[in-house]
């Protein structure tokens, strides 16, 4: 061990700010939601099917979607 090193672990301790410290309310935000077209959805689905094939059936997105 080098001088000043009392253990084998590397602990970097940084002070954490208190909750709310350093933040200010930005006010309401207006988001624009852009939905995919049917063609984009089909392309995404095809990508997931190929991904699932390459991952040997381990694509969780298809499992969640109830493929």
PDB file of N, CA and C in Angstrom:
ATOM      1  N   UNK A   1       0.834  -1.176   0.000  1.00  0.00           N
ATOM      2  CA  UNK A   1       0.000   0.000   0.000  1.00  0.00           C
ATOM      3  C   UNK A   1       0.884   1.246   0.000  1.00  0.00           C
ATOM      4  N   UNK A   2       0.345   2.259  -0.586  1.00  0.00           N
ATOM      5  CA  UNK A   2       1.094   3.512  -0.618  1.00  0.00           C
ATOM      6  C   UNK A   2       0.820   4.308   0.653  1.00  0.00           C
ATOM      7  N   UNK A   3       1.647   5.285   0.897  1.00  0.00           N
ATOM      8  CA  UNK A   3       1.500   6.118   2.085  1.00  0.00           C
ATOM      9  C   UNK A   3       0.133   6.810   2.063  1.00  0.00           C
ATOM     10  N   UNK A   4      -0.581   6.730   3.143  1.00  0.00           N
ATOM     11  CA  UNK A   4      -1.883   7.369   3.250  1.00  0.00           C
ATOM     12  C   UNK A   4      -3.027   6.460   2.837  1.00  0.00           C
ATOM     13  N   UNK A   5      -2.713   5.258   2.375  1.00  0.00           N
ATOM     14  CA  UNK A   5      -3.758   4.318   1.973  1.00  0.00           C
ATOM     15  C   UNK A   5      -3.913   3.287   3.082  1.00  0.00           C
ATOM     16  N   UNK A   6      -5.052   3.304   3.755  1.00  0.00           N
ATOM     17  CA  UNK A   6      -5.260   2.424   4.893  1.00  0.00           C
ATOM     18  C   UNK A   6      -6.042   1.164   4.545  1.00  0.00           C
ATOM     19  N   UNK A   7      -6.632   1.083   3.342  1.00  0.00           N
ATOM     20  CA  UNK A   7      -7.388  -0.106   2.965  1.00  0.00           C
ATOM     21  C   UNK A   7      -7.222  -0.351   1.468  1.00  0.00           C
ATOM     22  N   UNK A   8      -7.701  -1.503   1.024  1.00  0.00           N
ATOM     23  CA  UNK A   8      -7.593  -1.856  -0.389  1.00  0.00           C
ATOM     24  C   UNK A   8      -8.755  -1.322  -1.219  1.00  0.00           C
ATOM     25  N   UNK A   9      -9.762  -0.774  -0.569  1.00  0.00           N
ATOM     26  CA  UNK A   9     -10.903  -0.236  -1.311  1.00  0.00           C
ATOM     27  C   UNK A   9     -10.604   1.183  -1.766  1.00  0.00           C
ATOM     28  N   UNK A  10     -11.276   1.563  -2.834  1.00  0.00           N
ATOM     29  CA  UNK A  10     -11.118   2.926  -3.348  1.00  0.00           C
ATOM     30  C   UNK A  10     -12.430   3.659  -3.092  1.00  0.00           C
ATOM     31  N   UNK A  11     -12.467   4.369  -2.004  1.00  0.00           N
ATOM     32  CA  UNK A  11     -13.666   5.122  -1.638  1.00  0.00           C
ATOM     33  C   UNK A  11     -13.432   6.595  -1.907  1.00  0.00           C
ATOM     34  N   UNK A  12     -14.218   7.130  -2.794  1.00  0.00           N
ATOM     35  CA  UNK A  12     -14.145   8.562  -3.060  1.00  0.00           C
ATOM     36  C   UNK A  12     -15.395   9.171  -2.450  1.00  0.00           C
ATOM     37  N   UNK A  13     -15.200   9.915  -1.404  1.00  0.00           N
ATOM     38  CA  UNK A  13     -16.323  10.510  -0.687  1.00  0.00           C
ATOM     39  C   UNK A  13     -16.475  11.948  -1.142  1.00  0.00           C
ATOM     40  N   UNK A  14     -17.643  12.250  -1.669  1.00  0.00           N
ATOM     41  CA  UNK A  14     -17.941  13.626  -2.056  1.00  0.00           C
ATOM     42  C   UNK A  14     -19.168  14.078  -1.274  1.00  0.00           C
ATOM     43  N   UNK A  15     -19.177  15.298  -0.823  1.00  0.00           N
ATOM     44  CA  UNK A  15     -20.343  15.773  -0.071  1.00  0.00           C
ATOM     45  C   UNK A  15     -21.575  15.818  -0.964  1.00  0.00           C
ATOM     46  N   UNK A  16     -22.686  15.361  -0.427  1.00  0.00           N
ATOM     47  CA  UNK A  16     -23.942  15.380  -1.168  1.00  0.00           C
ATOM     48  C   UNK A  16     -24.728  16.636  -0.797  1.00  0.00           C
ATOM     49  N   UNK A  17     -25.306  17.280  -1.798  1.00  0.00           N
ATOM     50  CA  UNK A  17     -26.115  18.461  -1.473  1.00  0.00           C
ATOM     51  C   UNK A  17     -27.397  18.045  -0.765  1.00  0.00           C
ATOM     52  N   UNK A  18     -27.907  18.939   0.050  1.00  0.00           N
ATOM     53  CA  UNK A  18     -29.179  18.689   0.717  1.00  0.00           C
ATOM     54  C   UNK A  18     -30.286  18.672  -0.331  1.00  0.00           C
ATOM     55  N   UNK A  19     -31.375  18.012  -0.003  1.00  0.00           N
ATOM     56  CA  UNK A  19     -32.506  17.940  -0.925  1.00  0.00           C
ATOM     57  C   UNK A  19     -32.983  19.348  -1.235  1.00  0.00           C
ATOM     58  N   UNK A  20     -33.098  19.657  -2.503  1.00  0.00           N
ATOM     59  CA  UNK A  20     -33.569  20.959  -2.924  1.00  0.00           C
ATOM     60  C   UNK A  20     -32.481  22.005  -3.021  1.00  0.00           C
ATOM     61  N   UNK A  21     -31.308  21.706  -2.510  1.00  0.00           N
ATOM     62  CA  UNK A  21     -30.219  22.670  -2.536  1.00  0.00           C
ATOM     63  C   UNK A  21     -29.665  22.785  -3.952  1.00  0.00           C
ATOM     64  N   UNK A  22     -29.556  23.973  -4.450  1.00  0.00           N
ATOM     65  CA  UNK A  22     -28.986  24.180  -5.778  1.00  0.00           C
ATOM     66  C   UNK A  22     -29.982  24.029  -6.916  1.00  0.00           C
ATOM     67  N   UNK A  23     -31.224  23.787  -6.598  1.00  0.00           N
ATOM     68  CA  UNK A  23     -32.233  23.642  -7.642  1.00  0.00           C
ATOM     69  C   UNK A  23     -33.278  24.729  -7.485  1.00  0.00           C
ATOM     70  N   UNK A  24     -33.841  25.129  -8.611  1.00  0.00           N
ATOM     71  CA  UNK A  24     -34.941  26.079  -8.540  1.00  0.00           C
ATOM     72  C   UNK A  24     -36.054  25.598  -9.451  1.00  0.00           C
ATOM     73  N   UNK A  25     -37.244  25.982  -9.144  1.00  0.00           N
ATOM     74  CA  UNK A  25     -38.395  25.569  -9.935  1.00  0.00           C
ATOM     75  C   UNK A  25     -38.351  26.255 -11.289  1.00  0.00           C
ATOM     76  N   UNK A  26     -38.495  25.478 -12.346  1.00  0.00           N
ATOM     77  CA  UNK A  26     -38.448  26.031 -13.693  1.00  0.00           C
ATOM     78  C   UNK A  26     -39.834  26.393 -14.202  1.00  0.00           C
ATOM     79  N   UNK A  27     -40.843  25.956 -13.508  1.00  0.00           N
ATOM     80  CA  UNK A  27     -42.201  26.219 -13.947  1.00  0.00           C
ATOM     81  C   UNK A  27     -42.681  25.134 -14.896  1.00  0.00           C
ATOM     82  N   UNK A  28     -43.891  25.258 -15.363  1.00  0.00           N
ATOM     83  CA  UNK A  28     -44.455  24.227 -16.240  1.00  0.00           C
ATOM     84  C   UNK A  28     -43.701  24.151 -17.568  1.00  0.00           C
ATOM     85  N   UNK A  29     -43.581  22.946 -18.072  1.00  0.00           N
ATOM     86  CA  UNK A  29     -42.894  22.703 -19.332  1.00  0.00           C
ATOM     87  C   UNK A  29     -43.897  22.124 -20.314  1.00  0.00           C
ATOM     88  N   UNK A  30     -43.909  22.632 -21.509  1.00  0.00           N
ATOM     89  CA  UNK A  30     -44.821  22.131 -22.524  1.00  0.00           C
ATOM     90  C   UNK A  30     -44.040  21.185 -23.441  1.00  0.00           C
ATOM     91  N   UNK A  31     -44.436  19.911 -23.445  1.00  0.00           N
ATOM     92  CA  UNK A  31     -43.776  18.903 -24.257  1.00  0.00           C
ATOM     93  C   UNK A  31     -44.597  18.605 -25.502  1.00  0.00           C
ATOM     94  N   UNK A  32     -43.910  18.346 -26.582  1.00  0.00           N
ATOM     95  CA  UNK A  32     -44.578  17.971 -27.826  1.00  0.00           C
ATOM     96  C   UNK A  32     -44.369  16.478 -28.016  1.00  0.00           C
ATOM     97  N   UNK A  33     -45.448  15.744 -28.138  1.00  0.00           N
ATOM     98  CA  UNK A  33     -45.395  14.302 -28.318  1.00  0.00           C
ATOM     99  C   UNK A  33     -45.593  13.977 -29.791  1.00  0.00           C
ATOM    100  N   UNK A  34     -44.589  13.316 -30.370  1.00  0.00           N
ATOM    101  CA  UNK A  34     -44.665  12.924 -31.779  1.00  0.00           C
ATOM    102  C   UNK A  34     -44.833  11.418 -31.824  1.00  0.00           C
ATOM    103  N   UNK A  35     -45.982  10.971 -32.285  1.00  0.00           N
ATOM    104  CA  UNK A  35     -46.252   9.539 -32.368  1.00  0.00           C
ATOM    105  C   UNK A  35     -45.667   8.960 -33.653  1.00  0.00           C
ATOM    106  N   UNK A  36     -45.208   7.710 -33.599  1.00  0.00           N
ATOM    107  CA  UNK A  36     -44.635   7.092 -34.802  1.00  0.00           C
ATOM    108  C   UNK A  36     -45.720   6.744 -35.812  1.00  0.00           C
ATOM    109  N   UNK A  37     -45.329   6.782 -37.076  1.00  0.00           N
ATOM    110  CA  UNK A  37     -46.257   6.386 -38.141  1.00  0.00           C
ATOM    111  C   UNK A  37     -46.350   4.862 -38.160  1.00  0.00           C
ATOM    112  N   UNK A  38     -47.352   4.301 -38.829  1.00  0.00           N
ATOM    113  CA  UNK A  38     -47.443   2.843 -38.954  1.00  0.00           C
ATOM    114  C   UNK A  38     -46.182   2.235 -39.586  1.00  0.00           C
ATOM    115  N   UNK A  39     -45.591   2.930 -40.556  1.00  0.00           N
ATOM    116  CA  UNK A  39     -44.358   2.425 -41.176  1.00  0.00           C
ATOM    117  C   UNK A  39     -43.202   2.406 -40.173  1.00  0.00           C
ATOM    118  N   UNK A  40     -43.108   3.452 -39.344  1.00  0.00           N
ATOM    119  CA  UNK A  40     -42.054   3.497 -38.335  1.00  0.00           C
ATOM    120  C   UNK A  40     -42.243   2.396 -37.289  1.00  0.00           C
ATOM    121  N   UNK A  41     -43.492   2.158 -36.905  1.00  0.00           N
ATOM    122  CA  UNK A  41     -43.776   1.083 -35.958  1.00  0.00           C
ATOM    123  C   UNK A  41     -43.402  -0.275 -36.546  1.00  0.00           C
ATOM    124  N   UNK A  42     -43.704  -0.489 -37.816  1.00  0.00           N
ATOM    125  CA  UNK A  42     -43.371  -1.755 -38.471  1.00  0.00           C
ATOM    126  C   UNK A  42     -41.852  -1.933 -38.566  1.00  0.00           C
ATOM    127  N   UNK A  43     -41.136  -0.867 -38.868  1.00  0.00           N
ATOM    128  CA  UNK A  43     -39.679  -0.943 -38.956  1.00  0.00           C
ATOM    129  C   UNK A  43     -39.076  -1.244 -37.580  1.00  0.00           C
ATOM    130  N   UNK A  44     -39.640  -0.648 -36.558  1.00  0.00           N
ATOM    131  CA  UNK A  44     -39.153  -0.890 -35.198  1.00  0.00           C
ATOM    132  C   UNK A  44     -39.419  -2.342 -34.798  1.00  0.00           C
ATOM    133  N   UNK A  45     -40.593  -2.821 -35.105  1.00  0.00           N
ATOM    134  CA  UNK A  45     -40.954  -4.214 -34.799  1.00  0.00           C
ATOM    135  C   UNK A  45     -40.009  -5.172 -35.527  1.00  0.00           C
ATOM    136  N   UNK A  46     -39.713  -4.902 -36.802  1.00  0.00           N
ATOM    137  CA  UNK A  46     -38.799  -5.748 -37.568  1.00  0.00           C
ATOM    138  C   UNK A  46     -37.408  -5.737 -36.941  1.00  0.00           C
ATOM    139  N   UNK A  47     -36.985  -4.585 -36.465  1.00  0.00           N
ATOM    140  CA  UNK A  47     -35.681  -4.488 -35.798  1.00  0.00           C
ATOM    141  C   UNK A  47     -35.661  -5.339 -34.535  1.00  0.00           C
ATOM    142  N   UNK A  48     -36.743  -5.277 -33.744  1.00  0.00           N
ATOM    143  CA  UNK A  48     -36.808  -6.067 -32.519  1.00  0.00           C
ATOM    144  C   UNK A  48     -36.810  -7.559 -32.802  1.00  0.00           C
ATOM    145  N   UNK A  49     -37.492  -7.967 -33.870  1.00  0.00           N
ATOM    146  CA  UNK A  49     -37.520  -9.384 -34.240  1.00  0.00           C
ATOM    147  C   UNK A  49     -36.113  -9.846 -34.612  1.00  0.00           C
ATOM    148  N   UNK A  50     -35.384  -9.032 -35.370  1.00  0.00           N
ATOM    149  CA  UNK A  50     -34.007  -9.374 -35.742  1.00  0.00           C
ATOM    150  C   UNK A  50     -33.110  -9.398 -34.503  1.00  0.00           C
ATOM    151  N   UNK A  51     -33.293  -8.432 -33.617  1.00  0.00           N
ATOM    152  CA  UNK A  51     -32.533  -8.392 -32.377  1.00  0.00           C
ATOM    153  C   UNK A  51     -32.807  -9.639 -31.544  1.00  0.00           C
ATOM    154  N   UNK A  52     -34.058 -10.040 -31.468  1.00  0.00           N
ATOM    155  CA  UNK A  52     -34.442 -11.230 -30.718  1.00  0.00           C
ATOM    156  C   UNK A  52     -33.783 -12.475 -31.308  1.00  0.00           C
ATOM    157  N   UNK A  53     -33.735 -12.546 -32.620  1.00  0.00           N
ATOM    158  CA  UNK A  53     -33.090 -13.678 -33.278  1.00  0.00           C
ATOM    159  C   UNK A  53     -31.598 -13.709 -32.937  1.00  0.00           C
ATOM    160  N   UNK A  54     -30.934 -12.561 -33.018  1.00  0.00           N
ATOM    161  CA  UNK A  54     -29.505 -12.487 -32.718  1.00  0.00           C
ATOM    162  C   UNK A  54     -29.218 -12.766 -31.237  1.00  0.00           C
ATOM    163  N   UNK A  55     -30.163 -12.410 -30.374  1.00  0.00           N
ATOM    164  CA  UNK A  55     -29.989 -12.606 -28.936  1.00  0.00           C
ATOM    165  C   UNK A  55     -30.522 -13.961 -28.485  1.00  0.00           C
ATOM    166  N   UNK A  56     -30.865 -14.797 -29.433  1.00  0.00           N
ATOM    167  CA  UNK A  56     -31.359 -16.151 -29.139  1.00  0.00           C
ATOM    168  C   UNK A  56     -32.598 -16.123 -28.224  1.00  0.00           C
ATOM    169  N   UNK A  57     -33.534 -15.245 -28.565  1.00  0.00           N
ATOM    170  CA  UNK A  57     -34.797 -15.196 -27.835  1.00  0.00           C
ATOM    171  C   UNK A  57     -34.761 -14.417 -26.543  1.00  0.00           C
ATOM    172  N   UNK A  58     -33.747 -13.581 -26.332  1.00  0.00           N
ATOM    173  CA  UNK A  58     -33.624 -12.863 -25.065  1.00  0.00           C
ATOM    174  C   UNK A  58     -34.051 -11.394 -25.149  1.00  0.00           C
ATOM    175  N   UNK A  59     -34.768 -11.012 -26.195  1.00  0.00           N
ATOM    176  CA  UNK A  59     -35.210  -9.618 -26.324  1.00  0.00           C
ATOM    177  C   UNK A  59     -36.409  -9.365 -25.403  1.00  0.00           C
ATOM    178  N   UNK A  60     -36.181  -8.615 -24.338  1.00  0.00           N
ATOM    179  CA  UNK A  60     -37.241  -8.368 -23.366  1.00  0.00           C
ATOM    180  C   UNK A  60     -38.354  -7.489 -23.913  1.00  0.00           C
ATOM    181  N   UNK A  61     -38.036  -6.608 -24.860  1.00  0.00           N
ATOM    182  CA  UNK A  61     -39.063  -5.718 -25.398  1.00  0.00           C
ATOM    183  C   UNK A  61     -40.166  -6.511 -26.080  1.00  0.00           C
ATOM    184  N   UNK A  62     -39.790  -7.568 -26.791  1.00  0.00           N
ATOM    185  CA  UNK A  62     -40.815  -8.395 -27.428  1.00  0.00           C
ATOM    186  C   UNK A  62     -41.622  -9.159 -26.384  1.00  0.00           C
ATOM    187  N   UNK A  63     -40.960  -9.623 -25.338  1.00  0.00           N
ATOM    188  CA  UNK A  63     -41.650 -10.353 -24.273  1.00  0.00           C
ATOM    189  C   UNK A  63     -42.655  -9.449 -23.558  1.00  0.00           C
ATOM    190  N   UNK A  64     -42.253  -8.212 -23.303  1.00  0.00           N
ATOM    191  CA  UNK A  64     -43.141  -7.273 -22.621  1.00  0.00           C
ATOM    192  C   UNK A  64     -44.330  -6.917 -23.506  1.00  0.00           C
ATOM    193  N   UNK A  65     -44.084  -6.780 -24.811  1.00  0.00           N
ATOM    194  CA  UNK A  65     -45.142  -6.404 -25.736  1.00  0.00           C
ATOM    195  C   UNK A  65     -46.103  -7.562 -26.003  1.00  0.00           C
ATOM    196  N   UNK A  66     -45.775  -8.748 -25.496  1.00  0.00           N
ATOM    197  CA  UNK A  66     -46.660  -9.895 -25.700  1.00  0.00           C
ATOM    198  C   UNK A  66     -46.565 -10.459 -27.101  1.00  0.00           C
ATOM    199  N   UNK A  67     -45.338 -10.447 -27.643  1.00  0.00           N
ATOM    200  CA  UNK A  67     -45.125 -10.947 -29.000  1.00  0.00           C
ATOM    201  C   UNK A  67     -45.661 -12.342 -29.108  1.00  0.00           C
TER     202      UNK A  67
END
